[in-house]
Amino acid sequence: MVATDRERQAMRRAFALALNGPRGVNPQVGAVLLSPAGDVLAEGWHRGAGTAHAEVDALSQVSPHAVRGATAVVSLEPCNHSGRTGPCADALIAAGVARVVFAVADPGHASAGGAARLRASGIDVEAGVLEAEGRAVLDTWLSVQELGRPHVTVKWAQSLDGRAAAADGTSRWITGPDARADVHVRRSAADAIVVGTGTLLADDPALTARRPDGSLHEHQPRPVILGTRATPQDARVRRHPLPFMQDGGEDLPDLLDRLRELGMHRVFIEGGPSVVSSFLRAGLVDDVLIYLAPTLLGGPRVAVSDIGVETIVQQRRLAVSSVTPLGEDLVILAHPAPTEQEN
């Protein structure tokens, strides 16, 4: 049985509910309970570690009698393990639901298997409904689960001829105010923001996420400085709302492991060119964000340097997700494409 229109509508509602939950170690999950007639009985979402999962949250809002024969629509496969809370699969079985519809399979080694447990108990299960949309909601958490590291975005601004700065090193401002405001919104969605000591010493960035009026966004990324040169005592980053980390940058996978252990699942790499290139060269990038300004600078200050490409067959192909005008500039969002070998 394929998902009905009402189930698909409920799934989109579950995605919206999921975003009410906090970002962190646990996934953001939403759930909607539908009556056998397709009417909404209850809604729920996961409110953080140690609290009821989305399915149990929804079940708690309706009488046990009303749940019998209902359909549970969940953005993530119901879990099959006991942690601070019990398995959601068991809770749905005990509640007497007749059908479970979910978008994304749980990739966790301990928590996966909920669908099989539900089917073994006679519950009809429909998996993969609006999966692409569900994965977009869970992208950060899925990166951690599937890759064992945070979701990494590298960002740079460049001229049409690929320069990040003029020959004398000056780079403010290549792009216009609309593009800069967009960068700050994206910063506010990150858990950590990474720059090298070269950028720190040259530009003295605050590394905060700010609105156009200068006020701070509610969520701030934690600054991470790569390099061994000391951070000046009067550097603006020392006034950041969160304490900065400094790392030598020799072992990028180890750095990402430590950020993951600290609960930082979305990492925003802002540069400069050496830092951006090192993450690209190491194959540790999920998204590439390029702000393209209609100007020419010439000179040696390229936006990206050595990424390990010595011949054309080694080129790093990108799949472009979107191209968006921002004032006079363009922002291009892309991700690494699978490598194709030449015959």
C-alpha atoms as a PDB file:
ATOM      1  CA  MET A   1       0.000   0.000   0.000  1.00  0.00           C
ATOM      2  CA  VAL A   2       1.443   3.358  -1.005  1.00  0.00           C
ATOM      3  CA  ALA A   3       1.080   6.452   1.124  1.00  0.00           C
ATOM      4  CA  THR A   4      -2.224   8.284   0.807  1.00  0.00           C
ATOM      5  CA  ASP A   5      -2.542  12.004   0.136  1.00  0.00           C
ATOM      6  CA  ARG A   6      -3.471  12.578   3.777  1.00  0.00           C
ATOM      7  CA  GLU A   7      -0.442  10.629   4.949  1.00  0.00           C
ATOM      8  CA  ARG A   8       1.836  12.661   2.707  1.00  0.00           C
ATOM      9  CA  GLN A   9       0.243  15.854   3.998  1.00  0.00           C
ATOM     10  CA  ALA A  10       0.758  14.613   7.559  1.00  0.00           C
ATOM     11  CA  MET A  11       4.389  13.808   6.757  1.00  0.00           C
ATOM     12  CA  ARG A  12       5.053  17.370   5.668  1.00  0.00           C
ATOM     13  CA  ARG A  13       3.461  18.503   8.901  1.00  0.00           C
ATOM     14  CA  ALA A  14       5.777  16.107  10.776  1.00  0.00           C
ATOM     15  CA  PHE A  15       8.774  17.759   9.082  1.00  0.00           C
ATOM     16  CA  ALA A  16       7.581  21.172  10.269  1.00  0.00           C
ATOM     17  CA  LEU A  17       6.993  19.858  13.797  1.00  0.00           C
ATOM     18  CA  ALA A  18      10.478  18.336  13.873  1.00  0.00           C
ATOM     19  CA  LEU A  19      12.067  21.768  13.493  1.00  0.00           C
ATOM     20  CA  ASN A  20      10.525  22.817  16.822  1.00  0.00           C
ATOM     21  CA  GLY A  21      12.982  20.525  18.566  1.00  0.00           C
ATOM     22  CA  PRO A  22      16.515  21.554  19.522  1.00  0.00           C
ATOM     23  CA  ARG A  23      19.473  20.796  17.312  1.00  0.00           C
ATOM     24  CA  GLY A  24      22.157  18.700  18.934  1.00  0.00           C
ATOM     25  CA  VAL A  25      23.243  15.122  19.477  1.00  0.00           C
ATOM     26  CA  ASN A  26      19.727  13.775  18.908  1.00  0.00           C
ATOM     27  CA  PRO A  27      17.739  14.036  15.656  1.00  0.00           C
ATOM     28  CA  GLN A  28      14.896  16.506  15.196  1.00  0.00           C
ATOM     29  CA  VAL A  29      11.818  14.315  14.716  1.00  0.00           C
ATOM     30  CA  GLY A  30       8.109  15.057  14.291  1.00  0.00           C
ATOM     31  CA  ALA A  31       5.082  12.762  14.405  1.00  0.00           C
ATOM     32  CA  VAL A  32       1.385  12.970  13.511  1.00  0.00           C
ATOM     33  CA  LEU A  33      -1.297  10.461  14.529  1.00  0.00           C
ATOM     34  CA  LEU A  34      -4.139   9.927  12.068  1.00  0.00           C
ATOM     35  CA  SER A  35      -7.461   8.246  12.760  1.00  0.00           C
ATOM     36  CA  PRO A  36      -8.575   5.374  10.480  1.00  0.00           C
ATOM     37  CA  ALA A  37     -10.591   8.018   8.606  1.00  0.00           C
ATOM     38  CA  GLY A  38      -7.468  10.141   8.066  1.00  0.00           C
ATOM     39  CA  ASP A  39      -8.226  12.866  10.601  1.00  0.00           C
ATOM     40  CA  VAL A  40      -5.443  14.289  12.797  1.00  0.00           C
ATOM     41  CA  LEU A  41      -5.641  12.908  16.341  1.00  0.00           C
ATOM     42  CA  ALA A  42      -2.464  14.360  17.822  1.00  0.00           C
ATOM     43  CA  GLU A  43       0.944  15.816  16.989  1.00  0.00           C
ATOM     44  CA  GLY A  44       4.308  15.583  18.708  1.00  0.00           C
ATOM     45  CA  TRP A  45       8.007  16.266  18.407  1.00  0.00           C
ATOM     46  CA  HIS A  46      11.194  15.449  20.253  1.00  0.00           C
ATOM     47  CA  ARG A  47      12.051  18.220  22.685  1.00  0.00           C
ATOM     48  CA  GLY A  48      15.604  17.132  23.522  1.00  0.00           C
ATOM     49  CA  ALA A  49      17.735  14.494  25.209  1.00  0.00           C
ATOM     50  CA  GLY A  50      15.918  12.606  27.951  1.00  0.00           C
ATOM     51  CA  THR A  51      12.439  13.738  26.868  1.00  0.00           C
ATOM     52  CA  ALA A  52       9.747  11.692  25.138  1.00  0.00           C
ATOM     53  CA  HIS A  53      10.420  10.926  21.500  1.00  0.00           C
ATOM     54  CA  ALA A  54       8.061  12.376  18.904  1.00  0.00           C
ATOM     55  CA  GLU A  55       5.854   9.273  18.637  1.00  0.00           C
ATOM     56  CA  VAL A  56       5.464   8.968  22.404  1.00  0.00           C
ATOM     57  CA  ASP A  57       4.841  12.715  22.713  1.00  0.00           C
ATOM     58  CA  ALA A  58       1.962  12.401  20.226  1.00  0.00           C
ATOM     59  CA  LEU A  59       0.591   9.253  21.897  1.00  0.00           C
ATOM     60  CA  SER A  60       0.514  11.030  25.267  1.00  0.00           C
ATOM     61  CA  GLN A  61      -1.973  13.601  23.928  1.00  0.00           C
ATOM     62  CA  VAL A  62      -4.781  11.202  23.003  1.00  0.00           C
ATOM     63  CA  SER A  63      -6.755   8.552  24.890  1.00  0.00           C
ATOM     64  CA  PRO A  64      -5.581   4.944  24.500  1.00  0.00           C
ATOM     65  CA  HIS A  65      -8.960   3.976  23.069  1.00  0.00           C
ATOM     66  CA  ALA A  66      -8.687   6.527  20.256  1.00  0.00           C
ATOM     67  CA  VAL A  67      -5.250   5.289  19.183  1.00  0.00           C
ATOM     68  CA  ARG A  68      -6.411   1.740  18.382  1.00  0.00           C
ATOM     69  CA  GLY A  69      -6.245   1.266  14.622  1.00  0.00           C
ATOM     70  CA  ALA A  70      -4.594   4.674  14.045  1.00  0.00           C
ATOM     71  CA  THR A  71      -1.732   5.512  11.699  1.00  0.00           C
ATOM     72  CA  ALA A  72       1.487   7.020  13.015  1.00  0.00           C
ATOM     73  CA  VAL A  73       3.272   9.279  10.504  1.00  0.00           C
ATOM     74  CA  VAL A  74       6.866   9.907  11.602  1.00  0.00           C
ATOM     75  CA  SER A  75       9.737  11.748   9.938  1.00  0.00           C
ATOM     76  CA  LEU A  76      12.304   9.146  11.121  1.00  0.00           C
ATOM     77  CA  GLU A  77      11.953   5.371  11.507  1.00  0.00           C
ATOM     78  CA  PRO A  78      10.758   4.599  15.069  1.00  0.00           C
ATOM     79  CA  CYS A  79      13.725   3.609  17.199  1.00  0.00           C
ATOM     80  CA  ASN A  80      14.312   0.088  18.440  1.00  0.00           C
ATOM     81  CA  HIS A  81      16.559   0.624  21.423  1.00  0.00           C
ATOM     82  CA  SER A  82      16.434   1.675  25.060  1.00  0.00           C
ATOM     83  CA  GLY A  83      18.384   4.733  26.114  1.00  0.00           C
ATOM     84  CA  ARG A  84      17.032   7.387  28.449  1.00  0.00           C
ATOM     85  CA  THR A  85      13.646   6.416  27.036  1.00  0.00           C
ATOM     86  CA  GLY A  86      12.234   3.115  25.804  1.00  0.00           C
ATOM     87  CA  PRO A  87      11.926   1.944  22.189  1.00  0.00           C
ATOM     88  CA  CYS A  88       9.360   3.920  20.206  1.00  0.00           C
ATOM     89  CA  ALA A  89       8.560   0.781  18.203  1.00  0.00           C
ATOM     90  CA  ASP A  90       7.388  -0.908  21.421  1.00  0.00           C
ATOM     91  CA  ALA A  91       5.316   2.121  22.392  1.00  0.00           C
ATOM     92  CA  LEU A  92       3.504   2.063  19.043  1.00  0.00           C
ATOM     93  CA  ILE A  93       2.901  -1.688  19.293  1.00  0.00           C
ATOM     94  CA  ALA A  94       1.525  -1.347  22.821  1.00  0.00           C
ATOM     95  CA  ALA A  95      -0.712   1.540  21.727  1.00  0.00           C
ATOM     96  CA  GLY A  96      -2.345  -0.644  19.064  1.00  0.00           C
ATOM     97  CA  VAL A  97      -1.624   1.441  15.979  1.00  0.00           C
ATOM     98  CA  ALA A  98      -2.441  -0.339  12.731  1.00  0.00           C
ATOM     99  CA  ARG A  99       0.001   1.421  10.407  1.00  0.00           C
ATOM    100  CA  VAL A 100       3.265   3.353  10.585  1.00  0.00           C
ATOM    101  CA  VAL A 101       4.512   5.616   7.799  1.00  0.00           C
ATOM    102  CA  PHE A 102       8.021   7.088   7.982  1.00  0.00           C
ATOM    103  CA  ALA A 103      10.332   9.069   5.721  1.00  0.00           C
ATOM    104  CA  VAL A 104      13.925   8.192   6.604  1.00  0.00           C
ATOM    105  CA  ALA A 105      15.371   4.894   7.806  1.00  0.00           C
ATOM    106  CA  ASP A 106      17.347   5.119  11.056  1.00  0.00           C
ATOM    107  CA  PRO A 107      21.046   4.563  10.216  1.00  0.00           C
ATOM    108  CA  GLY A 108      22.090   4.042  13.836  1.00  0.00           C
ATOM    109  CA  HIS A 109      23.632   0.692  14.739  1.00  0.00           C
ATOM    110  CA  ALA A 110      21.798   0.509  18.053  1.00  0.00           C
ATOM    111  CA  SER A 111      18.571   2.307  17.188  1.00  0.00           C
ATOM    112  CA  ALA A 112      17.772   0.816  13.760  1.00  0.00           C
ATOM    113  CA  GLY A 113      15.357  -2.065  13.226  1.00  0.00           C
ATOM    114  CA  GLY A 114      12.151  -0.412  14.353  1.00  0.00           C
ATOM    115  CA  ALA A 115      10.392  -1.119  11.049  1.00  0.00           C
ATOM    116  CA  ALA A 116      11.193  -4.838  11.224  1.00  0.00           C
ATOM    117  CA  ARG A 117       9.965  -5.002  14.818  1.00  0.00           C
ATOM    118  CA  LEU A 118       6.706  -3.280  13.871  1.00  0.00           C
ATOM    119  CA  ARG A 119       6.127  -5.611  10.913  1.00  0.00           C
ATOM    120  CA  ALA A 120       6.820  -8.647  13.074  1.00  0.00           C
ATOM    121  CA  SER A 121       4.015  -7.480  15.348  1.00  0.00           C
ATOM    122  CA  GLY A 122       1.544  -7.305  12.463  1.00  0.00           C
ATOM    123  CA  ILE A 123       1.683  -3.550  11.901  1.00  0.00           C
ATOM    124  CA  ASP A 124       1.620  -2.310   8.307  1.00  0.00           C
ATOM    125  CA  VAL A 125       4.731  -0.211   7.615  1.00  0.00           C
ATOM    126  CA  GLU A 126       5.348   2.154   4.693  1.00  0.00           C
ATOM    127  CA  ALA A 127       8.954   3.388   4.480  1.00  0.00           C
ATOM    128  CA  GLY A 128      10.635   6.139   2.448  1.00  0.00           C
ATOM    129  CA  VAL A 129       7.646   8.478   2.096  1.00  0.00           C
ATOM    130  CA  LEU A 130       8.946  11.921   0.993  1.00  0.00           C
ATOM    131  CA  GLU A 131      12.413  10.639   1.861  1.00  0.00           C
ATOM    132  CA  ALA A 132      14.343  13.422   0.106  1.00  0.00           C
ATOM    133  CA  GLU A 133      12.463  16.078   2.075  1.00  0.00           C
ATOM    134  CA  GLY A 134      12.990  14.120   5.265  1.00  0.00           C
ATOM    135  CA  ARG A 135      16.713  13.805   4.666  1.00  0.00           C
ATOM    136  CA  ALA A 136      16.906  17.566   4.136  1.00  0.00           C
ATOM    137  CA  VAL A 137      15.434  18.080   7.616  1.00  0.00           C
ATOM    138  CA  LEU A 138      17.846  15.558   9.123  1.00  0.00           C
ATOM    139  CA  ASP A 139      20.910  16.325   6.996  1.00  0.00           C
ATOM    140  CA  THR A 140      23.192  17.373   9.847  1.00  0.00           C
ATOM    141  CA  TRP A 141      22.284  14.438  12.085  1.00  0.00           C
ATOM    142  CA  LEU A 142      22.531  12.022   9.165  1.00  0.00           C
ATOM    143  CA  SER A 143      26.048  13.250   8.368  1.00  0.00           C
ATOM    144  CA  VAL A 144      27.105  12.409  11.893  1.00  0.00           C
ATOM    145  CA  GLN A 145      25.420   8.998  11.805  1.00  0.00           C
ATOM    146  CA  GLU A 146      26.474   7.952   8.305  1.00  0.00           C
ATOM    147  CA  LEU A 147      29.890   9.620   8.026  1.00  0.00           C
ATOM    148  CA  GLY A 148      30.874   9.712  11.682  1.00  0.00           C
ATOM    149  CA  ARG A 149      31.653  13.433  11.505  1.00  0.00           C
ATOM    150  CA  PRO A 150      29.889  16.813  11.399  1.00  0.00           C
ATOM    151  CA  HIS A 151      28.267  18.187   8.253  1.00  0.00           C
ATOM    152  CA  VAL A 152      30.888  20.482   6.703  1.00  0.00           C
ATOM    153  CA  THR A 153      30.187  23.530   4.523  1.00  0.00           C
ATOM    154  CA  VAL A 154      33.059  25.484   2.975  1.00  0.00           C
ATOM    155  CA  LYS A 155      32.294  29.065   2.016  1.00  0.00           C
ATOM    156  CA  TRP A 156      34.202  31.711   0.145  1.00  0.00           C
ATOM    157  CA  ALA A 157      33.545  34.949  -1.730  1.00  0.00           C
ATOM    158  CA  GLN A 158      35.283  35.569  -5.039  1.00  0.00           C
ATOM    159  CA  SER A 159      35.461  37.779  -8.079  1.00  0.00           C
ATOM    160  CA  LEU A 160      34.468  36.488 -11.505  1.00  0.00           C
ATOM    161  CA  ASP A 161      38.115  35.695 -12.170  1.00  0.00           C
ATOM    162  CA  GLY A 162      38.388  33.534  -9.049  1.00  0.00           C
ATOM    163  CA  ARG A 163      40.178  35.938  -6.697  1.00  0.00           C
ATOM    164  CA  ALA A 164      39.390  36.230  -2.997  1.00  0.00           C
ATOM    165  CA  ALA A 165      41.344  39.450  -2.499  1.00  0.00           C
ATOM    166  CA  ALA A 166      43.236  42.141  -4.350  1.00  0.00           C
ATOM    167  CA  ALA A 167      46.992  41.792  -4.906  1.00  0.00           C
ATOM    168  CA  ASP A 168      47.749  43.688  -1.662  1.00  0.00           C
ATOM    169  CA  GLY A 169      45.549  41.280   0.341  1.00  0.00           C
ATOM    170  CA  THR A 170      42.595  43.594   0.893  1.00  0.00           C
ATOM    171  CA  SER A 171      39.257  41.801   0.542  1.00  0.00           C
ATOM    172  CA  ARG A 172      36.543  43.982   2.117  1.00  0.00           C
ATOM    173  CA  TRP A 173      34.163  44.063   0.448  1.00  0.00           C
ATOM    174  CA  ILE A 174      34.055  41.859  -2.650  1.00  0.00           C
ATOM    175  CA  THR A 175      30.330  41.189  -2.269  1.00  0.00           C
ATOM    176  CA  GLY A 176      27.438  43.499  -1.441  1.00  0.00           C
ATOM    177  CA  PRO A 177      25.250  43.851   1.659  1.00  0.00           C
ATOM    178  CA  ASP A 178      22.655  41.269   0.583  1.00  0.00           C
ATOM    179  CA  ALA A 179      25.294  38.596   0.200  1.00  0.00           C
ATOM    180  CA  ARG A 180      26.914  39.504   3.508  1.00  0.00           C
ATOM    181  CA  ALA A 181      23.568  39.328   5.298  1.00  0.00           C
ATOM    182  CA  ASP A 182      23.005  35.876   3.823  1.00  0.00           C
ATOM    183  CA  VAL A 183      26.378  34.725   5.156  1.00  0.00           C
ATOM    184  CA  HIS A 184      25.396  35.797   8.655  1.00  0.00           C
ATOM    185  CA  VAL A 185      22.107  33.901   8.484  1.00  0.00           C
ATOM    186  CA  ARG A 186      24.037  30.787   7.495  1.00  0.00           C
ATOM    187  CA  ARG A 187      26.536  31.386  10.278  1.00  0.00           C
ATOM    188  CA  SER A 188      23.658  31.466  12.745  1.00  0.00           C
ATOM    189  CA  ALA A 189      22.635  27.969  11.614  1.00  0.00           C
ATOM    190  CA  ALA A 190      26.118  26.558  12.284  1.00  0.00           C
ATOM    191  CA  ASP A 191      27.532  25.115  15.484  1.00  0.00           C
ATOM    192  CA  ALA A 192      31.135  26.061  14.707  1.00  0.00           C
ATOM    193  CA  ILE A 193      32.836  28.536  12.386  1.00  0.00           C
ATOM    194  CA  VAL A 194      36.415  27.807  11.270  1.00  0.00           C
ATOM    195  CA  VAL A 195      39.077  30.212   9.971  1.00  0.00           C
ATOM    196  CA  GLY A 196      42.848  30.124   9.773  1.00  0.00           C
ATOM    197  CA  THR A 197      45.256  32.321  11.684  1.00  0.00           C
ATOM    198  CA  GLY A 198      46.097  34.079   8.419  1.00  0.00           C
ATOM    199  CA  THR A 199      42.536  35.342   8.097  1.00  0.00           C
ATOM    200  CA  LEU A 200      42.420  36.112  11.808  1.00  0.00           C
ATOM    201  CA  LEU A 201      45.542  38.271  11.690  1.00  0.00           C
ATOM    202  CA  ALA A 202      44.736  39.956   8.368  1.00  0.00           C
ATOM    203  CA  ASP A 203      41.039  40.741   8.865  1.00  0.00           C
ATOM    204  CA  ASP A 204      40.446  40.541  12.653  1.00  0.00           C
ATOM    205  CA  PRO A 205      36.975  38.992  12.128  1.00  0.00           C
ATOM    206  CA  ALA A 206      34.463  38.899  14.969  1.00  0.00           C
ATOM    207  CA  LEU A 207      33.149  35.503  13.757  1.00  0.00           C
ATOM    208  CA  THR A 208      29.700  36.267  15.114  1.00  0.00           C
ATOM    209  CA  ALA A 209      26.364  35.921  13.327  1.00  0.00           C
ATOM    210  CA  ARG A 210      24.914  39.427  13.047  1.00  0.00           C
ATOM    211  CA  ARG A 211      21.813  41.058  11.635  1.00  0.00           C
ATOM    212  CA  PRO A 212      22.158  44.040   9.254  1.00  0.00           C
ATOM    213  CA  ASP A 213      21.593  46.413  12.201  1.00  0.00           C
ATOM    214  CA  GLY A 214      24.582  44.902  14.021  1.00  0.00           C
ATOM    215  CA  SER A 215      22.622  42.979  16.641  1.00  0.00           C
ATOM    216  CA  LEU A 216      23.494  39.336  17.230  1.00  0.00           C
ATOM    217  CA  HIS A 217      21.419  36.436  15.997  1.00  0.00           C
ATOM    218  CA  GLU A 218      20.056  34.284  18.813  1.00  0.00           C
ATOM    219  CA  HIS A 219      22.242  31.300  17.917  1.00  0.00           C
ATOM    220  CA  GLN A 220      25.982  31.850  17.596  1.00  0.00           C
ATOM    221  CA  PRO A 221      28.606  29.495  16.145  1.00  0.00           C
ATOM    222  CA  ARG A 222      31.628  28.675  18.270  1.00  0.00           C
ATOM    223  CA  PRO A 223      34.824  30.102  16.728  1.00  0.00           C
ATOM    224  CA  VAL A 224      37.588  27.645  15.824  1.00  0.00           C
ATOM    225  CA  ILE A 225      40.984  29.021  14.791  1.00  0.00           C
ATOM    226  CA  LEU A 226      43.335  26.774  12.784  1.00  0.00           C
ATOM    227  CA  GLY A 227      47.065  27.431  12.981  1.00  0.00           C
ATOM    228  CA  THR A 228      49.850  27.781  15.505  1.00  0.00           C
ATOM    229  CA  ARG A 229      50.267  31.565  15.505  1.00  0.00           C
ATOM    230  CA  ALA A 230      48.990  33.177  18.679  1.00  0.00           C
ATOM    231  CA  THR A 231      45.669  34.983  18.751  1.00  0.00           C
ATOM    232  CA  PRO A 232      46.296  38.647  19.686  1.00  0.00           C
ATOM    233  CA  GLN A 233      44.979  39.757  23.049  1.00  0.00           C
ATOM    234  CA  ASP A 234      42.964  42.542  21.422  1.00  0.00           C
ATOM    235  CA  ALA A 235      41.480  40.318  18.675  1.00  0.00           C
ATOM    236  CA  ARG A 236      37.737  40.764  18.218  1.00  0.00           C
ATOM    237  CA  VAL A 237      37.193  37.009  18.448  1.00  0.00           C
ATOM    238  CA  ARG A 238      38.100  37.242  22.129  1.00  0.00           C
ATOM    239  CA  ARG A 239      34.872  39.227  22.618  1.00  0.00           C
ATOM    240  CA  HIS A 240      32.757  36.528  20.979  1.00  0.00           C
ATOM    241  CA  PRO A 241      29.833  35.296  23.154  1.00  0.00           C
ATOM    242  CA  LEU A 242      31.381  31.804  23.067  1.00  0.00           C
ATOM    243  CA  PRO A 243      35.002  30.960  23.882  1.00  0.00           C
ATOM    244  CA  PHE A 244      37.122  30.209  20.847  1.00  0.00           C
ATOM    245  CA  MET A 245      39.075  27.012  20.244  1.00  0.00           C
ATOM    246  CA  GLN A 246      42.505  26.946  18.651  1.00  0.00           C
ATOM    247  CA  ASP A 247      43.883  23.919  16.824  1.00  0.00           C
ATOM    248  CA  GLY A 248      47.096  23.360  14.914  1.00  0.00           C
ATOM    249  CA  GLY A 249      45.131  21.994  11.961  1.00  0.00           C
ATOM    250  CA  GLU A 250      47.477  19.102  11.216  1.00  0.00           C
ATOM    251  CA  ASP A 251      44.780  16.434  11.647  1.00  0.00           C
ATOM    252  CA  LEU A 252      41.438  17.635  10.274  1.00  0.00           C
ATOM    253  CA  PRO A 253      39.545  14.327  10.854  1.00  0.00           C
ATOM    254  CA  ASP A 254      40.628  14.445  14.501  1.00  0.00           C
ATOM    255  CA  LEU A 255      39.428  18.054  14.766  1.00  0.00           C
ATOM    256  CA  LEU A 256      36.020  17.090  13.354  1.00  0.00           C
ATOM    257  CA  ASP A 257      35.844  14.141  15.768  1.00  0.00           C
ATOM    258  CA  ARG A 258      36.408  16.482  18.702  1.00  0.00           C
ATOM    259  CA  LEU A 259      33.807  18.946  17.451  1.00  0.00           C
ATOM    260  CA  ARG A 260      31.318  16.069  17.084  1.00  0.00           C
ATOM    261  CA  GLU A 261      32.023  14.920  20.625  1.00  0.00           C
ATOM    262  CA  LEU A 262      31.269  18.463  21.804  1.00  0.00           C
ATOM    263  CA  GLY A 263      27.857  18.292  20.095  1.00  0.00           C
ATOM    264  CA  MET A 264      28.836  20.499  17.137  1.00  0.00           C
ATOM    265  CA  HIS A 265      27.241  18.854  14.128  1.00  0.00           C
ATOM    266  CA  ARG A 266      27.247  21.667  11.552  1.00  0.00           C
ATOM    267  CA  VAL A 267      30.629  23.199  10.779  1.00  0.00           C
ATOM    268  CA  PHE A 268      31.044  26.316   8.604  1.00  0.00           C
ATOM    269  CA  ILE A 269      34.503  26.771   7.062  1.00  0.00           C
ATOM    270  CA  GLU A 270      35.127  30.419   6.165  1.00  0.00           C
ATOM    271  CA  GLY A 271      38.772  30.333   5.235  1.00  0.00           C
ATOM    272  CA  GLY A 272      41.027  31.693   4.066  1.00  0.00           C
ATOM    273  CA  PRO A 273      42.072  29.887   0.910  1.00  0.00           C
ATOM    274  CA  SER A 274      44.558  27.564   2.646  1.00  0.00           C
ATOM    275  CA  VAL A 275      41.999  26.332   5.162  1.00  0.00           C
ATOM    276  CA  VAL A 276      39.231  25.948   2.560  1.00  0.00           C
ATOM    277  CA  SER A 277      41.594  24.080   0.257  1.00  0.00           C
ATOM    278  CA  SER A 278      42.811  21.764   3.013  1.00  0.00           C
ATOM    279  CA  PHE A 279      39.265  20.573   3.753  1.00  0.00           C
ATOM    280  CA  LEU A 280      38.547  20.115   0.039  1.00  0.00           C
ATOM    281  CA  ARG A 281      41.810  18.253  -0.462  1.00  0.00           C
ATOM    282  CA  ALA A 282      41.015  15.924   2.449  1.00  0.00           C
ATOM    283  CA  GLY A 283      37.553  15.092   1.059  1.00  0.00           C
ATOM    284  CA  LEU A 284      35.841  16.380   4.189  1.00  0.00           C
ATOM    285  CA  VAL A 285      33.312  18.706   2.527  1.00  0.00           C
ATOM    286  CA  ASP A 286      29.564  18.143   2.117  1.00  0.00           C
ATOM    287  CA  ASP A 287      28.502  21.545   0.736  1.00  0.00           C
ATOM    288  CA  VAL A 288      30.354  24.237  -1.205  1.00  0.00           C
ATOM    289  CA  LEU A 289      28.953  27.760  -0.872  1.00  0.00           C
ATOM    290  CA  ILE A 290      30.375  30.359  -3.266  1.00  0.00           C
ATOM    291  CA  TYR A 291      29.463  34.065  -3.276  1.00  0.00           C
ATOM    292  CA  LEU A 292      30.281  35.362  -6.756  1.00  0.00           C
ATOM    293  CA  ALA A 293      30.715  39.101  -7.282  1.00  0.00           C
ATOM    294  CA  PRO A 294      30.593  40.763 -10.752  1.00  0.00           C
ATOM    295  CA  THR A 295      34.087  42.191 -10.508  1.00  0.00           C
ATOM    296  CA  LEU A 296      37.628  41.413 -11.659  1.00  0.00           C
ATOM    297  CA  LEU A 297      40.673  41.596  -9.403  1.00  0.00           C
ATOM    298  CA  GLY A 298      43.478  39.705 -11.114  1.00  0.00           C
ATOM    299  CA  GLY A 299      46.660  39.002  -9.204  1.00  0.00           C
ATOM    300  CA  PRO A 300      47.773  35.996  -7.165  1.00  0.00           C
ATOM    301  CA  ARG A 301      45.129  35.958  -4.398  1.00  0.00           C
ATOM    302  CA  VAL A 302      43.082  32.990  -5.620  1.00  0.00           C
ATOM    303  CA  ALA A 303      40.028  31.806  -3.675  1.00  0.00           C
ATOM    304  CA  VAL A 304      41.100  28.153  -3.744  1.00  0.00           C
ATOM    305  CA  SER A 305      44.655  26.855  -3.960  1.00  0.00           C
ATOM    306  CA  ASP A 306      46.008  23.293  -3.885  1.00  0.00           C
ATOM    307  CA  ILE A 307      43.227  20.721  -3.549  1.00  0.00           C
ATOM    308  CA  GLY A 308      45.244  17.762  -4.759  1.00  0.00           C
ATOM    309  CA  VAL A 309      44.414  18.049  -8.459  1.00  0.00           C
ATOM    310  CA  GLU A 310      47.425  17.595 -10.722  1.00  0.00           C
ATOM    311  CA  THR A 311      45.707  16.480 -13.913  1.00  0.00           C
ATOM    312  CA  ILE A 312      42.258  16.946 -15.437  1.00  0.00           C
ATOM    313  CA  VAL A 313      41.128  13.401 -14.630  1.00  0.00           C
ATOM    314  CA  GLN A 314      41.529  14.283 -10.925  1.00  0.00           C
ATOM    315  CA  GLN A 315      39.212  17.269 -11.094  1.00  0.00           C
ATOM    316  CA  ARG A 316      36.709  17.622  -8.256  1.00  0.00           C
ATOM    317  CA  ARG A 317      33.318  17.760  -9.956  1.00  0.00           C
ATOM    318  CA  LEU A 318      30.455  19.513  -8.168  1.00  0.00           C
ATOM    319  CA  ALA A 319      26.702  19.065  -8.480  1.00  0.00           C
ATOM    320  CA  VAL A 320      25.012  22.478  -8.299  1.00  0.00           C
ATOM    321  CA  SER A 321      21.958  22.556  -6.052  1.00  0.00           C
ATOM    322  CA  SER A 322      21.005  26.199  -6.527  1.00  0.00           C
ATOM    323  CA  VAL A 323      22.088  29.534  -7.997  1.00  0.00           C
ATOM    324  CA  THR A 324      20.460  32.512  -6.269  1.00  0.00           C
ATOM    325  CA  PRO A 325      20.790  36.251  -7.058  1.00  0.00           C
ATOM    326  CA  LEU A 326      21.562  38.400  -4.015  1.00  0.00           C
ATOM    327  CA  GLY A 327      21.622  42.036  -5.051  1.00  0.00           C
ATOM    328  CA  GLU A 328      24.357  42.303  -7.679  1.00  0.00           C
ATOM    329  CA  ASP A 329      25.938  39.023  -6.555  1.00  0.00           C
ATOM    330  CA  LEU A 330      25.178  35.332  -7.003  1.00  0.00           C
ATOM    331  CA  VAL A 331      25.341  32.603  -4.371  1.00  0.00           C
ATOM    332  CA  ILE A 332      26.018  29.102  -5.657  1.00  0.00           C
ATOM    333  CA  LEU A 333      25.324  26.073  -3.472  1.00  0.00           C
ATOM    334  CA  ALA A 334      26.879  22.812  -4.637  1.00  0.00           C
ATOM    335  CA  HIS A 335      28.117  19.509  -3.270  1.00  0.00           C
ATOM    336  CA  PRO A 336      30.796  17.053  -4.380  1.00  0.00           C
ATOM    337  CA  ALA A 337      29.579  14.797  -7.182  1.00  0.00           C
ATOM    338  CA  PRO A 338      30.585  11.135  -7.503  1.00  0.00           C
ATOM    339  CA  THR A 339      33.862  10.738  -9.321  1.00  0.00           C
ATOM    340  CA  GLU A 340      33.577   9.373 -12.859  1.00  0.00           C
ATOM    341  CA  GLN A 341      36.576   7.600 -14.284  1.00  0.00           C
ATOM    342  CA  GLU A 342      37.475   8.332 -17.908  1.00  0.00           C
ATOM    343  CA  ASN A 343      37.473   5.243 -20.192  1.00  0.00           C
END
